[in-house]
Amino acid sequence: QVQLVESGGGLVQAGGSLRLSCAASGRTFSGYTMNWFRQAPGKEREFVAAISWSGGTTYYTNSVKGRFTISKDNAKNTVYLQMNSLKPEDTAVYYCAATRDVGMLRVWVSAMDYWGQGTQVTVSS
């Protein structure tokens, strides 16, 4: 059974940092792009960051560029999202997702093949 399990969420003050982890199990994700999405209350789920299987290519939504860093450890089957300089507008449930690499970057919700259960991030002002 394929599982993506997120951890590392919590409550932090504005300007603070958190590191999210996504542990994958149940299959190898060789050839998959790993992604982070987030969903704030009353809003649609939105793309945050992506990393290729090799880790050589990363992509970020504009609002987090320069503040968030996505990385991965293939030996541990784990993806990370380091979040610095957090803002109240970063408050959301953060989801890890995997999509099969088809030669082009796909950052929309329907393109994801697997999802985690989410972890809450709350940034207080």
PDB file of N, CA and C in Angstrom:
ATOM      1  N   GLN A   1       0.848  -1.182   0.000  1.00  0.00           N
ATOM      2  CA  GLN A   1       0.000   0.000   0.000  1.00  0.00           C
ATOM      3  C   GLN A   1       0.889   1.240   0.000  1.00  0.00           C
ATOM      4  N   VAL A   2       0.641   2.129  -0.962  1.00  0.00           N
ATOM      5  CA  VAL A   2       1.433   3.341  -1.071  1.00  0.00           C
ATOM      6  C   VAL A   2       0.994   4.346  -0.010  1.00  0.00           C
ATOM      7  N   GLN A   3       1.974   4.897   0.668  1.00  0.00           N
ATOM      8  CA  GLN A   3       1.678   5.906   1.673  1.00  0.00           C
ATOM      9  C   GLN A   3       2.652   7.064   1.580  1.00  0.00           C
ATOM     10  N   LEU A   4       2.117   8.268   1.713  1.00  0.00           N
ATOM     11  CA  LEU A   4       2.914   9.470   1.895  1.00  0.00           C
ATOM     12  C   LEU A   4       2.469  10.053   3.227  1.00  0.00           C
ATOM     13  N   VAL A   5       3.419  10.194   4.138  1.00  0.00           N
ATOM     14  CA  VAL A   5       3.077  10.649   5.485  1.00  0.00           C
ATOM     15  C   VAL A   5       3.858  11.919   5.795  1.00  0.00           C
ATOM     16  N   GLU A   6       3.116  13.009   5.977  1.00  0.00           N
ATOM     17  CA  GLU A   6       3.742  14.293   6.291  1.00  0.00           C
ATOM     18  C   GLU A   6       3.904  14.462   7.797  1.00  0.00           C
ATOM     19  N   SER A   7       4.903  15.225   8.178  1.00  0.00           N
ATOM     20  CA  SER A   7       5.109  15.580   9.577  1.00  0.00           C
ATOM     21  C   SER A   7       5.844  16.907   9.632  1.00  0.00           C
ATOM     22  N   GLY A   8       5.894  17.497  10.836  1.00  0.00           N
ATOM     23  CA  GLY A   8       6.668  18.714  11.016  1.00  0.00           C
ATOM     24  C   GLY A   8       5.853  19.990  11.086  1.00  0.00           C
ATOM     25  N   GLY A   9       4.560  19.894  10.890  1.00  0.00           N
ATOM     26  CA  GLY A   9       3.736  21.083  10.992  1.00  0.00           C
ATOM     27  C   GLY A   9       3.617  21.559  12.430  1.00  0.00           C
ATOM     28  N   GLY A  10       3.030  22.739  12.596  1.00  0.00           N
ATOM     29  CA  GLY A  10       2.846  23.264  13.940  1.00  0.00           C
ATOM     30  C   GLY A  10       2.512  24.738  13.919  1.00  0.00           C
ATOM     31  N   LEU A  11       2.616  25.350  15.093  1.00  0.00           N
ATOM     32  CA  LEU A  11       2.329  26.775  15.268  1.00  0.00           C
ATOM     33  C   LEU A  11       3.645  27.525  15.413  1.00  0.00           C
ATOM     34  N   VAL A  12       3.800  28.584  14.633  1.00  0.00           N
ATOM     35  CA  VAL A  12       5.027  29.358  14.671  1.00  0.00           C
ATOM     36  C   VAL A  12       4.683  30.831  14.506  1.00  0.00           C
ATOM     37  N   GLN A  13       5.496  31.695  15.062  1.00  0.00           N
ATOM     38  CA  GLN A  13       5.278  33.128  14.903  1.00  0.00           C
ATOM     39  C   GLN A  13       5.779  33.598  13.537  1.00  0.00           C
ATOM     40  N   ALA A  14       5.221  34.683  13.066  1.00  0.00           N
ATOM     41  CA  ALA A  14       5.669  35.257  11.803  1.00  0.00           C
ATOM     42  C   ALA A  14       7.173  35.519  11.860  1.00  0.00           C
ATOM     43  N   GLY A  15       7.849  35.191  10.767  1.00  0.00           N
ATOM     44  CA  GLY A  15       9.294  35.316  10.708  1.00  0.00           C
ATOM     45  C   GLY A  15      10.037  34.063  11.108  1.00  0.00           C
ATOM     46  N   GLY A  16       9.314  33.097  11.663  1.00  0.00           N
ATOM     47  CA  GLY A  16       9.923  31.860  12.112  1.00  0.00           C
ATOM     48  C   GLY A  16      10.086  30.845  10.989  1.00  0.00           C
ATOM     49  N   SER A  17      10.530  29.651  11.378  1.00  0.00           N
ATOM     50  CA  SER A  17      10.821  28.591  10.411  1.00  0.00           C
ATOM     51  C   SER A  17      10.215  27.270  10.855  1.00  0.00           C
ATOM     52  N   LEU A  18       9.925  26.442   9.867  1.00  0.00           N
ATOM     53  CA  LEU A  18       9.502  25.064  10.087  1.00  0.00           C
ATOM     54  C   LEU A  18      10.084  24.211   8.974  1.00  0.00           C
ATOM     55  N   ARG A  19      10.312  22.938   9.260  1.00  0.00           N
ATOM     56  CA  ARG A  19      10.708  22.001   8.219  1.00  0.00           C
ATOM     57  C   ARG A  19       9.706  20.855   8.179  1.00  0.00           C
ATOM     58  N   LEU A  20       9.061  20.725   7.046  1.00  0.00           N
ATOM     59  CA  LEU A  20       8.127  19.624   6.839  1.00  0.00           C
ATOM     60  C   LEU A  20       8.852  18.434   6.215  1.00  0.00           C
ATOM     61  N   SER A  21       8.403  17.245   6.586  1.00  0.00           N
ATOM     62  CA  SER A  21       8.934  16.020   6.004  1.00  0.00           C
ATOM     63  C   SER A  21       7.799  15.212   5.402  1.00  0.00           C
ATOM     64  N   CYS A  22       8.118  14.472   4.366  1.00  0.00           N
ATOM     65  CA  CYS A  22       7.155  13.575   3.725  1.00  0.00           C
ATOM     66  C   CYS A  22       7.860  12.243   3.505  1.00  0.00           C
ATOM     67  N   ALA A  23       7.452  11.239   4.265  1.00  0.00           N
ATOM     68  CA  ALA A  23       8.044   9.920   4.153  1.00  0.00           C
ATOM     69  C   ALA A  23       7.181   9.056   3.245  1.00  0.00           C
ATOM     70  N   ALA A  24       7.808   8.488   2.222  1.00  0.00           N
ATOM     71  CA  ALA A  24       7.092   7.657   1.255  1.00  0.00           C
ATOM     72  C   ALA A  24       7.363   6.183   1.523  1.00  0.00           C
ATOM     73  N   SER A  25       6.344   5.376   1.374  1.00  0.00           N
ATOM     74  CA  SER A  25       6.505   3.930   1.565  1.00  0.00           C
ATOM     75  C   SER A  25       5.535   3.188   0.651  1.00  0.00           C
ATOM     76  N   GLY A  26       5.772   1.912   0.492  1.00  0.00           N
ATOM     77  CA  GLY A  26       4.866   1.076  -0.283  1.00  0.00           C
ATOM     78  C   GLY A  26       5.281   0.868  -1.722  1.00  0.00           C
ATOM     79  N   ARG A  27       6.163   1.710  -2.216  1.00  0.00           N
ATOM     80  CA  ARG A  27       6.676   1.532  -3.566  1.00  0.00           C
ATOM     81  C   ARG A  27       7.869   2.458  -3.727  1.00  0.00           C
ATOM     82  N   THR A  28       8.637   2.231  -4.770  1.00  0.00           N
ATOM     83  CA  THR A  28       9.696   3.161  -5.098  1.00  0.00           C
ATOM     84  C   THR A  28       9.120   4.309  -5.905  1.00  0.00           C
ATOM     85  N   PHE A  29       9.609   5.499  -5.654  1.00  0.00           N
ATOM     86  CA  PHE A  29       9.135   6.654  -6.400  1.00  0.00           C
ATOM     87  C   PHE A  29      10.152   7.099  -7.436  1.00  0.00           C
ATOM     88  N   SER A  30      10.936   6.135  -7.880  1.00  0.00           N
ATOM     89  CA  SER A  30      11.839   6.409  -8.983  1.00  0.00           C
ATOM     90  C   SER A  30      11.036   6.850 -10.194  1.00  0.00           C
ATOM     91  N   GLY A  31      11.422   7.973 -10.790  1.00  0.00           N
ATOM     92  CA  GLY A  31      10.692   8.473 -11.936  1.00  0.00           C
ATOM     93  C   GLY A  31       9.497   9.327 -11.584  1.00  0.00           C
ATOM     94  N   TYR A  32       9.335   9.663 -10.330  1.00  0.00           N
ATOM     95  CA  TYR A  32       8.244  10.521  -9.888  1.00  0.00           C
ATOM     96  C   TYR A  32       8.779  11.878  -9.461  1.00  0.00           C
ATOM     97  N   THR A  33       8.039  12.913  -9.791  1.00  0.00           N
ATOM     98  CA  THR A  33       8.289  14.246  -9.255  1.00  0.00           C
ATOM     99  C   THR A  33       7.510  14.379  -7.951  1.00  0.00           C
ATOM    100  N   MET A  34       8.194  14.870  -6.924  1.00  0.00           N
ATOM    101  CA  MET A  34       7.558  15.044  -5.624  1.00  0.00           C
ATOM    102  C   MET A  34       7.183  16.510  -5.448  1.00  0.00           C
ATOM    103  N   ASN A  35       6.034  16.729  -4.842  1.00  0.00           N
ATOM    104  CA  ASN A  35       5.472  18.070  -4.759  1.00  0.00           C
ATOM    105  C   ASN A  35       4.950  18.390  -3.364  1.00  0.00           C
ATOM    106  N   TRP A  36       4.858  19.649  -3.076  1.00  0.00           N
ATOM    107  CA  TRP A  36       4.148  20.149  -1.904  1.00  0.00           C
ATOM    108  C   TRP A  36       3.030  21.077  -2.395  1.00  0.00           C
ATOM    109  N   PHE A  37       1.852  20.872  -1.837  1.00  0.00           N
ATOM    110  CA  PHE A  37       0.706  21.737  -2.061  1.00  0.00           C
ATOM    111  C   PHE A  37       0.251  22.262  -0.701  1.00  0.00           C
ATOM    112  N   ARG A  38      -0.614  23.249  -0.725  1.00  0.00           N
ATOM    113  CA  ARG A  38      -1.214  23.727   0.521  1.00  0.00           C
ATOM    114  C   ARG A  38      -2.645  24.181   0.253  1.00  0.00           C
ATOM    115  N   GLN A  39      -3.434  24.127   1.320  1.00  0.00           N
ATOM    116  CA  GLN A  39      -4.824  24.547   1.222  1.00  0.00           C
ATOM    117  C   GLN A  39      -5.207  25.323   2.472  1.00  0.00           C
ATOM    118  N   ALA A  40      -5.528  26.592   2.288  1.00  0.00           N
ATOM    119  CA  ALA A  40      -5.971  27.444   3.373  1.00  0.00           C
ATOM    120  C   ALA A  40      -7.485  27.326   3.499  1.00  0.00           C
ATOM    121  N   PRO A  41      -8.025  27.646   4.669  1.00  0.00           N
ATOM    122  CA  PRO A  41      -9.483  27.553   4.869  1.00  0.00           C
ATOM    123  C   PRO A  41     -10.242  28.372   3.833  1.00  0.00           C
ATOM    124  N   GLY A  42     -11.210  27.736   3.192  1.00  0.00           N
ATOM    125  CA  GLY A  42     -12.039  28.440   2.226  1.00  0.00           C
ATOM    126  C   GLY A  42     -11.398  28.670   0.874  1.00  0.00           C
ATOM    127  N   LYS A  43     -10.204  28.129   0.685  1.00  0.00           N
ATOM    128  CA  LYS A  43      -9.494  28.335  -0.587  1.00  0.00           C
ATOM    129  C   LYS A  43      -9.208  27.009  -1.265  1.00  0.00           C
ATOM    130  N   GLU A  44      -8.888  27.093  -2.557  1.00  0.00           N
ATOM    131  CA  GLU A  44      -8.540  25.892  -3.288  1.00  0.00           C
ATOM    132  C   GLU A  44      -7.122  25.443  -2.937  1.00  0.00           C
ATOM    133  N   ARG A  45      -6.870  24.171  -3.136  1.00  0.00           N
ATOM    134  CA  ARG A  45      -5.529  23.654  -2.927  1.00  0.00           C
ATOM    135  C   ARG A  45      -4.613  24.237  -4.001  1.00  0.00           C
ATOM    136  N   GLU A  46      -3.431  24.699  -3.582  1.00  0.00           N
ATOM    137  CA  GLU A  46      -2.518  25.330  -4.518  1.00  0.00           C
ATOM    138  C   GLU A  46      -1.130  24.708  -4.456  1.00  0.00           C
ATOM    139  N   PHE A  47      -0.457  24.748  -5.590  1.00  0.00           N
ATOM    140  CA  PHE A  47       0.901  24.237  -5.705  1.00  0.00           C
ATOM    141  C   PHE A  47       1.865  25.141  -4.936  1.00  0.00           C
ATOM    142  N   VAL A  48       2.863  24.518  -4.298  1.00  0.00           N
ATOM    143  CA  VAL A  48       3.886  25.265  -3.569  1.00  0.00           C
ATOM    144  C   VAL A  48       5.276  25.033  -4.163  1.00  0.00           C
ATOM    145  N   ALA A  49       5.669  23.759  -4.286  1.00  0.00           N
ATOM    146  CA  ALA A  49       7.029  23.461  -4.742  1.00  0.00           C
ATOM    147  C   ALA A  49       7.088  22.051  -5.309  1.00  0.00           C
ATOM    148  N   ALA A  50       8.066  21.828  -6.188  1.00  0.00           N
ATOM    149  CA  ALA A  50       8.263  20.508  -6.783  1.00  0.00           C
ATOM    150  C   ALA A  50       9.751  20.219  -6.907  1.00  0.00           C
ATOM    151  N   ILE A  51      10.089  18.926  -6.903  1.00  0.00           N
ATOM    152  CA  ILE A  51      11.472  18.503  -7.081  1.00  0.00           C
ATOM    153  C   ILE A  51      11.487  17.235  -7.919  1.00  0.00           C
ATOM    154  N   SER A  52      12.397  17.184  -8.882  1.00  0.00           N
ATOM    155  CA  SER A  52      12.502  16.013  -9.737  1.00  0.00           C
ATOM    156  C   SER A  52      13.070  14.832  -8.964  1.00  0.00           C
ATOM    157  N   TRP A  53      12.943  13.628  -9.555  1.00  0.00           N
ATOM    158  CA  TRP A  53      13.439  12.441  -8.862  1.00  0.00           C
ATOM    159  C   TRP A  53      14.934  12.576  -8.544  1.00  0.00           C
ATOM    160  N   SER A  54      15.684  13.080  -9.473  1.00  0.00           N
ATOM    161  CA  SER A  54      17.130  13.218  -9.249  1.00  0.00           C
ATOM    162  C   SER A  54      17.458  14.310  -8.251  1.00  0.00           C
ATOM    163  N   GLY A  55      16.508  15.199  -8.041  1.00  0.00           N
ATOM    164  CA  GLY A  55      16.754  16.341  -7.166  1.00  0.00           C
ATOM    165  C   GLY A  55      17.424  17.492  -7.876  1.00  0.00           C
ATOM    166  N   GLY A  56      17.683  17.329  -9.155  1.00  0.00           N
ATOM    167  CA  GLY A  56      18.408  18.346  -9.886  1.00  0.00           C
ATOM    168  C   GLY A  56      17.569  19.517 -10.329  1.00  0.00           C
ATOM    169  N   THR A  57      16.278  19.348 -10.326  1.00  0.00           N
ATOM    170  CA  THR A  57      15.378  20.417 -10.771  1.00  0.00           C
ATOM    171  C   THR A  57      14.353  20.705  -9.687  1.00  0.00           C
ATOM    172  N   THR A  58      14.223  21.977  -9.365  1.00  0.00           N
ATOM    173  CA  THR A  58      13.212  22.403  -8.409  1.00  0.00           C
ATOM    174  C   THR A  58      12.398  23.538  -9.008  1.00  0.00           C
ATOM    175  N   TYR A  59      11.194  23.703  -8.488  1.00  0.00           N
ATOM    176  CA  TYR A  59      10.291  24.738  -9.008  1.00  0.00           C
ATOM    177  C   TYR A  59       9.425  25.207  -7.861  1.00  0.00           C
ATOM    178  N   TYR A  60       9.193  26.532  -7.813  1.00  0.00           N
ATOM    179  CA  TYR A  60       8.437  27.117  -6.707  1.00  0.00           C
ATOM    180  C   TYR A  60       7.370  28.073  -7.229  1.00  0.00           C
ATOM    181  N   THR A  61       6.276  28.153  -6.509  1.00  0.00           N
ATOM    182  CA  THR A  61       5.331  29.198  -6.801  1.00  0.00           C
ATOM    183  C   THR A  61       5.936  30.532  -6.359  1.00  0.00           C
ATOM    184  N   ASN A  62       5.554  31.609  -7.021  1.00  0.00           N
ATOM    185  CA  ASN A  62       6.220  32.891  -6.789  1.00  0.00           C
ATOM    186  C   ASN A  62       6.175  33.354  -5.334  1.00  0.00           C
ATOM    187  N   SER A  63       5.081  33.098  -4.656  1.00  0.00           N
ATOM    188  CA  SER A  63       4.914  33.630  -3.307  1.00  0.00           C
ATOM    189  C   SER A  63       5.868  33.032  -2.284  1.00  0.00           C
ATOM    190  N   VAL A  64       6.523  31.913  -2.602  1.00  0.00           N
ATOM    191  CA  VAL A  64       7.435  31.293  -1.636  1.00  0.00           C
ATOM    192  C   VAL A  64       8.894  31.317  -2.089  1.00  0.00           C
ATOM    193  N   LYS A  65       9.150  31.802  -3.291  1.00  0.00           N
ATOM    194  CA  LYS A  65      10.524  31.840  -3.800  1.00  0.00           C
ATOM    195  C   LYS A  65      11.407  32.663  -2.874  1.00  0.00           C
ATOM    196  N   GLY A  66      12.581  32.120  -2.570  1.00  0.00           N
ATOM    197  CA  GLY A  66      13.510  32.800  -1.680  1.00  0.00           C
ATOM    198  C   GLY A  66      13.263  32.542  -0.208  1.00  0.00           C
ATOM    199  N   ARG A  67      12.126  31.940   0.118  1.00  0.00           N
ATOM    200  CA  ARG A  67      11.803  31.641   1.521  1.00  0.00           C
ATOM    201  C   ARG A  67      11.717  30.132   1.774  1.00  0.00           C
ATOM    202  N   PHE A  68      11.215  29.379   0.833  1.00  0.00           N
ATOM    203  CA  PHE A  68      11.047  27.937   0.983  1.00  0.00           C
ATOM    204  C   PHE A  68      12.084  27.199   0.132  1.00  0.00           C
ATOM    205  N   THR A  69      12.499  26.033   0.628  1.00  0.00           N
ATOM    206  CA  THR A  69      13.417  25.184  -0.128  1.00  0.00           C
ATOM    207  C   THR A  69      12.935  23.747  -0.072  1.00  0.00           C
ATOM    208  N   ILE A  70      12.765  23.136  -1.236  1.00  0.00           N
ATOM    209  CA  ILE A  70      12.389  21.734  -1.308  1.00  0.00           C
ATOM    210  C   ILE A  70      13.645  20.905  -1.546  1.00  0.00           C
ATOM    211  N   SER A  71      13.723  19.765  -0.886  1.00  0.00           N
ATOM    212  CA  SER A  71      14.872  18.878  -1.060  1.00  0.00           C
ATOM    213  C   SER A  71      14.404  17.449  -0.838  1.00  0.00           C
ATOM    214  N   LYS A  72      15.286  16.498  -1.122  1.00  0.00           N
ATOM    215  CA  LYS A  72      14.896  15.096  -0.912  1.00  0.00           C
ATOM    216  C   LYS A  72      16.101  14.243  -0.597  1.00  0.00           C
ATOM    217  N   ASP A  73      15.828  13.130   0.045  1.00  0.00           N
ATOM    218  CA  ASP A  73      16.832  12.120   0.361  1.00  0.00           C
ATOM    219  C   ASP A  73      16.288  10.814  -0.189  1.00  0.00           C
ATOM    220  N   ASN A  74      16.771  10.416  -1.361  1.00  0.00           N
ATOM    221  CA  ASN A  74      16.240   9.205  -1.996  1.00  0.00           C
ATOM    222  C   ASN A  74      16.530   7.955  -1.184  1.00  0.00           C
ATOM    223  N   ALA A  75      17.637   7.945  -0.473  1.00  0.00           N
ATOM    224  CA  ALA A  75      17.978   6.776   0.344  1.00  0.00           C
ATOM    225  C   ALA A  75      16.947   6.577   1.451  1.00  0.00           C
ATOM    226  N   LYS A  76      16.383   7.673   1.925  1.00  0.00           N
ATOM    227  CA  LYS A  76      15.380   7.607   2.986  1.00  0.00           C
ATOM    228  C   LYS A  76      13.959   7.695   2.440  1.00  0.00           C
ATOM    229  N   ASN A  77      13.832   7.857   1.131  1.00  0.00           N
ATOM    230  CA  ASN A  77      12.506   7.998   0.509  1.00  0.00           C
ATOM    231  C   ASN A  77      11.724   9.138   1.156  1.00  0.00           C
ATOM    232  N   THR A  78      12.401  10.239   1.398  1.00  0.00           N
ATOM    233  CA  THR A  78      11.801  11.357   2.123  1.00  0.00           C
ATOM    234  C   THR A  78      12.028  12.669   1.376  1.00  0.00           C
ATOM    235  N   VAL A  79      10.996  13.487   1.372  1.00  0.00           N
ATOM    236  CA  VAL A  79      11.055  14.818   0.784  1.00  0.00           C
ATOM    237  C   VAL A  79      10.869  15.840   1.905  1.00  0.00           C
ATOM    238  N   TYR A  80      11.554  16.957   1.790  1.00  0.00           N
ATOM    239  CA  TYR A  80      11.497  17.983   2.824  1.00  0.00           C
ATOM    240  C   TYR A  80      11.042  19.316   2.225  1.00  0.00           C
ATOM    241  N   LEU A  81      10.458  20.140   3.076  1.00  0.00           N
ATOM    242  CA  LEU A  81      10.161  21.518   2.709  1.00  0.00           C
ATOM    243  C   LEU A  81      10.620  22.406   3.863  1.00  0.00           C
ATOM    244  N   GLN A  82      11.732  23.088   3.659  1.00  0.00           N
ATOM    245  CA  GLN A  82      12.230  24.033   4.647  1.00  0.00           C
ATOM    246  C   GLN A  82      11.542  25.362   4.402  1.00  0.00           C
ATOM    247  N   MET A  83      10.863  25.864   5.414  1.00  0.00           N
ATOM    248  CA  MET A  83      10.107  27.095   5.282  1.00  0.00           C
ATOM    249  C   MET A  83      10.672  28.138   6.236  1.00  0.00           C
ATOM    250  N   ASN A  84      11.207  29.202   5.679  1.00  0.00           N
ATOM    251  CA  ASN A  84      11.778  30.300   6.467  1.00  0.00           C
ATOM    252  C   ASN A  84      10.979  31.579   6.254  1.00  0.00           C
ATOM    253  N   SER A  85      11.190  32.533   7.133  1.00  0.00           N
ATOM    254  CA  SER A  85      10.506  33.838   7.031  1.00  0.00           C
ATOM    255  C   SER A  85       9.006  33.652   6.825  1.00  0.00           C
ATOM    256  N   LEU A  86       8.437  32.807   7.639  1.00  0.00           N
ATOM    257  CA  LEU A  86       7.021  32.478   7.472  1.00  0.00           C
ATOM    258  C   LEU A  86       6.133  33.688   7.722  1.00  0.00           C
ATOM    259  N   LYS A  87       5.031  33.741   6.970  1.00  0.00           N
ATOM    260  CA  LYS A  87       4.068  34.828   7.062  1.00  0.00           C
ATOM    261  C   LYS A  87       2.704  34.259   7.438  1.00  0.00           C
ATOM    262  N   PRO A  88       1.842  35.067   8.024  1.00  0.00           N
ATOM    263  CA  PRO A  88       0.491  34.565   8.352  1.00  0.00           C
ATOM    264  C   PRO A  88      -0.235  33.989   7.139  1.00  0.00           C
ATOM    265  N   GLU A  89       0.024  34.520   5.962  1.00  0.00           N
ATOM    266  CA  GLU A  89      -0.645  34.011   4.759  1.00  0.00           C
ATOM    267  C   GLU A  89      -0.122  32.638   4.330  1.00  0.00           C
ATOM    268  N   ASP A  90       0.918  32.140   4.986  1.00  0.00           N
ATOM    269  CA  ASP A  90       1.383  30.776   4.724  1.00  0.00           C
ATOM    270  C   ASP A  90       0.578  29.742   5.513  1.00  0.00           C
ATOM    271  N   THR A  91      -0.298  30.209   6.383  1.00  0.00           N
ATOM    272  CA  THR A  91      -1.118  29.300   7.174  1.00  0.00           C
ATOM    273  C   THR A  91      -1.998  28.451   6.271  1.00  0.00           C
ATOM    274  N   ALA A  92      -1.894  27.129   6.435  1.00  0.00           N
ATOM    275  CA  ALA A  92      -2.629  26.199   5.580  1.00  0.00           C
ATOM    276  C   ALA A  92      -2.335  24.782   6.030  1.00  0.00           C
ATOM    277  N   VAL A  93      -3.085  23.839   5.469  1.00  0.00           N
ATOM    278  CA  VAL A  93      -2.709  22.442   5.564  1.00  0.00           C
ATOM    279  C   VAL A  93      -1.790  22.159   4.385  1.00  0.00           C
ATOM    280  N   TYR A  94      -0.634  21.594   4.672  1.00  0.00           N
ATOM    281  CA  TYR A  94       0.355  21.315   3.642  1.00  0.00           C
ATOM    282  C   TYR A  94       0.312  19.821   3.294  1.00  0.00           C
ATOM    283  N   TYR A  95       0.274  19.547   1.990  1.00  0.00           N
ATOM    284  CA  TYR A  95       0.165  18.180   1.500  1.00  0.00           C
ATOM    285  C   TYR A  95       1.371  17.826   0.637  1.00  0.00           C
ATOM    286  N   CYS A  96       1.836  16.615   0.811  1.00  0.00           N
ATOM    287  CA  CYS A  96       2.842  16.039  -0.056  1.00  0.00           C
ATOM    288  C   CYS A  96       2.126  15.253  -1.164  1.00  0.00           C
ATOM    289  N   ALA A  97       2.665  15.307  -2.374  1.00  0.00           N
ATOM    290  CA  ALA A  97       2.034  14.592  -3.480  1.00  0.00           C
ATOM    291  C   ALA A  97       3.105  14.119  -4.452  1.00  0.00           C
ATOM    292  N   ALA A  98       2.790  13.035  -5.148  1.00  0.00           N
ATOM    293  CA  ALA A  98       3.722  12.476  -6.130  1.00  0.00           C
ATOM    294  C   ALA A  98       3.038  12.352  -7.483  1.00  0.00           C
ATOM    295  N   THR A  99       3.765  12.715  -8.528  1.00  0.00           N
ATOM    296  CA  THR A  99       3.244  12.582  -9.878  1.00  0.00           C
ATOM    297  C   THR A  99       4.304  11.945 -10.769  1.00  0.00           C
ATOM    298  N   ARG A 100       3.883  11.033 -11.619  1.00  0.00           N
ATOM    299  CA  ARG A 100       4.820  10.353 -12.499  1.00  0.00           C
ATOM    300  C   ARG A 100       5.433  11.354 -13.470  1.00  0.00           C
ATOM    301  N   ASP A 101       6.729  11.252 -13.654  1.00  0.00           N
ATOM    302  CA  ASP A 101       7.446  12.163 -14.544  1.00  0.00           C
ATOM    303  C   ASP A 101       7.118  11.807 -15.989  1.00  0.00           C
ATOM    304  N   VAL A 102       6.505  12.738 -16.705  1.00  0.00           N
ATOM    305  CA  VAL A 102       6.146  12.504 -18.103  1.00  0.00           C
ATOM    306  C   VAL A 102       6.910  13.439 -19.030  1.00  0.00           C
ATOM    307  N   GLY A 103       7.968  14.041 -18.531  1.00  0.00           N
ATOM    308  CA  GLY A 103       8.791  14.893 -19.363  1.00  0.00           C
ATOM    309  C   GLY A 103       8.426  16.353 -19.341  1.00  0.00           C
ATOM    310  N   MET A 104       7.405  16.698 -18.604  1.00  0.00           N
ATOM    311  CA  MET A 104       7.045  18.096 -18.452  1.00  0.00           C
ATOM    312  C   MET A 104       6.572  18.310 -17.018  1.00  0.00           C
ATOM    313  N   LEU A 105       6.753  19.528 -16.530  1.00  0.00           N
ATOM    314  CA  LEU A 105       6.349  19.840 -15.169  1.00  0.00           C
ATOM    315  C   LEU A 105       4.832  19.964 -15.117  1.00  0.00           C
ATOM    316  N   ARG A 106       4.224  19.243 -14.193  1.00  0.00           N
ATOM    317  CA  ARG A 106       2.772  19.307 -14.020  1.00  0.00           C
ATOM    318  C   ARG A 106       2.496  19.699 -12.575  1.00  0.00           C
ATOM    319  N   VAL A 107       1.877  20.834 -12.358  1.00  0.00           N
ATOM    320  CA  VAL A 107       1.700  21.350 -11.004  1.00  0.00           C
ATOM    321  C   VAL A 107       0.229  21.512 -10.637  1.00  0.00           C
ATOM    322  N   TRP A 108      -0.637  20.828 -11.334  1.00  0.00           N
ATOM    323  CA  TRP A 108      -2.055  20.938 -10.990  1.00  0.00           C
ATOM    324  C   TRP A 108      -2.516  19.724 -10.208  1.00  0.00           C
ATOM    325  N   VAL A 109      -3.532  19.929  -9.395  1.00  0.00           N
ATOM    326  CA  VAL A 109      -3.993  18.915  -8.449  1.00  0.00           C
ATOM    327  C   VAL A 109      -4.337  17.610  -9.141  1.00  0.00           C
ATOM    328  N   SER A 110      -5.018  17.680 -10.274  1.00  0.00           N
ATOM    329  CA  SER A 110      -5.490  16.466 -10.934  1.00  0.00           C
ATOM    330  C   SER A 110      -4.365  15.634 -11.526  1.00  0.00           C
ATOM    331  N   ALA A 111      -3.184  16.183 -11.624  1.00  0.00           N
ATOM    332  CA  ALA A 111      -2.052  15.450 -12.190  1.00  0.00           C
ATOM    333  C   ALA A 111      -1.355  14.571 -11.159  1.00  0.00           C
ATOM    334  N   MET A 112      -1.667  14.755  -9.889  1.00  0.00           N
ATOM    335  CA  MET A 112      -0.997  14.003  -8.840  1.00  0.00           C
ATOM    336  C   MET A 112      -1.553  12.584  -8.759  1.00  0.00           C
ATOM    337  N   ASP A 113      -0.626  11.626  -8.576  1.00  0.00           N
ATOM    338  CA  ASP A 113      -1.017  10.229  -8.485  1.00  0.00           C
ATOM    339  C   ASP A 113      -1.221   9.773  -7.040  1.00  0.00           C
ATOM    340  N   TYR A 114      -0.480  10.357  -6.138  1.00  0.00           N
ATOM    341  CA  TYR A 114      -0.562   9.978  -4.721  1.00  0.00           C
ATOM    342  C   TYR A 114      -0.539  11.240  -3.856  1.00  0.00           C
ATOM    343  N   TRP A 115      -1.273  11.165  -2.733  1.00  0.00           N
ATOM    344  CA  TRP A 115      -1.353  12.269  -1.784  1.00  0.00           C
ATOM    345  C   TRP A 115      -1.116  11.779  -0.367  1.00  0.00           C
ATOM    346  N   GLY A 116      -0.542  12.659   0.442  1.00  0.00           N
ATOM    347  CA  GLY A 116      -0.485  12.413   1.871  1.00  0.00           C
ATOM    348  C   GLY A 116      -1.735  12.960   2.541  1.00  0.00           C
ATOM    349  N   GLN A 117      -1.792  12.814   3.862  1.00  0.00           N
ATOM    350  CA  GLN A 117      -2.980  13.222   4.606  1.00  0.00           C
ATOM    351  C   GLN A 117      -2.941  14.686   5.020  1.00  0.00           C
ATOM    352  N   GLY A 118      -1.774  15.305   4.931  1.00  0.00           N
ATOM    353  CA  GLY A 118      -1.638  16.715   5.249  1.00  0.00           C
ATOM    354  C   GLY A 118      -1.139  16.972   6.652  1.00  0.00           C
ATOM    355  N   THR A 119      -0.499  18.120   6.825  1.00  0.00           N
ATOM    356  CA  THR A 119      -0.040  18.565   8.128  1.00  0.00           C
ATOM    357  C   THR A 119      -0.327  20.060   8.244  1.00  0.00           C
ATOM    358  N   GLN A 120      -0.834  20.467   9.411  1.00  0.00           N
ATOM    359  CA  GLN A 120      -1.265  21.849   9.604  1.00  0.00           C
ATOM    360  C   GLN A 120      -0.077  22.747   9.935  1.00  0.00           C
ATOM    361  N   VAL A 121      -0.001  23.863   9.251  1.00  0.00           N
ATOM    362  CA  VAL A 121       0.971  24.910   9.550  1.00  0.00           C
ATOM    363  C   VAL A 121       0.189  26.180   9.869  1.00  0.00           C
ATOM    364  N   THR A 122       0.438  26.728  11.054  1.00  0.00           N
ATOM    365  CA  THR A 122      -0.234  27.955  11.470  1.00  0.00           C
ATOM    366  C   THR A 122       0.817  28.996  11.830  1.00  0.00           C
ATOM    367  N   VAL A 123       0.727  30.145  11.189  1.00  0.00           N
ATOM    368  CA  VAL A 123       1.675  31.227  11.425  1.00  0.00           C
ATOM    369  C   VAL A 123       0.927  32.380  12.075  1.00  0.00           C
ATOM    370  N   SER A 124       1.313  32.720  13.284  1.00  0.00           N
ATOM    371  CA  SER A 124       0.649  33.801  14.001  1.00  0.00           C
ATOM    372  C   SER A 124       1.359  35.130  13.749  1.00  0.00           C
ATOM    373  N   SER A 125       0.577  36.192  13.765  1.00  0.00           N
ATOM    374  CA  SER A 125       1.157  37.522  13.499  1.00  0.00           C
ATOM    375  C   SER A 125       1.610  38.207  14.775  1.00  0.00           C
TER     376      SER A 125
END
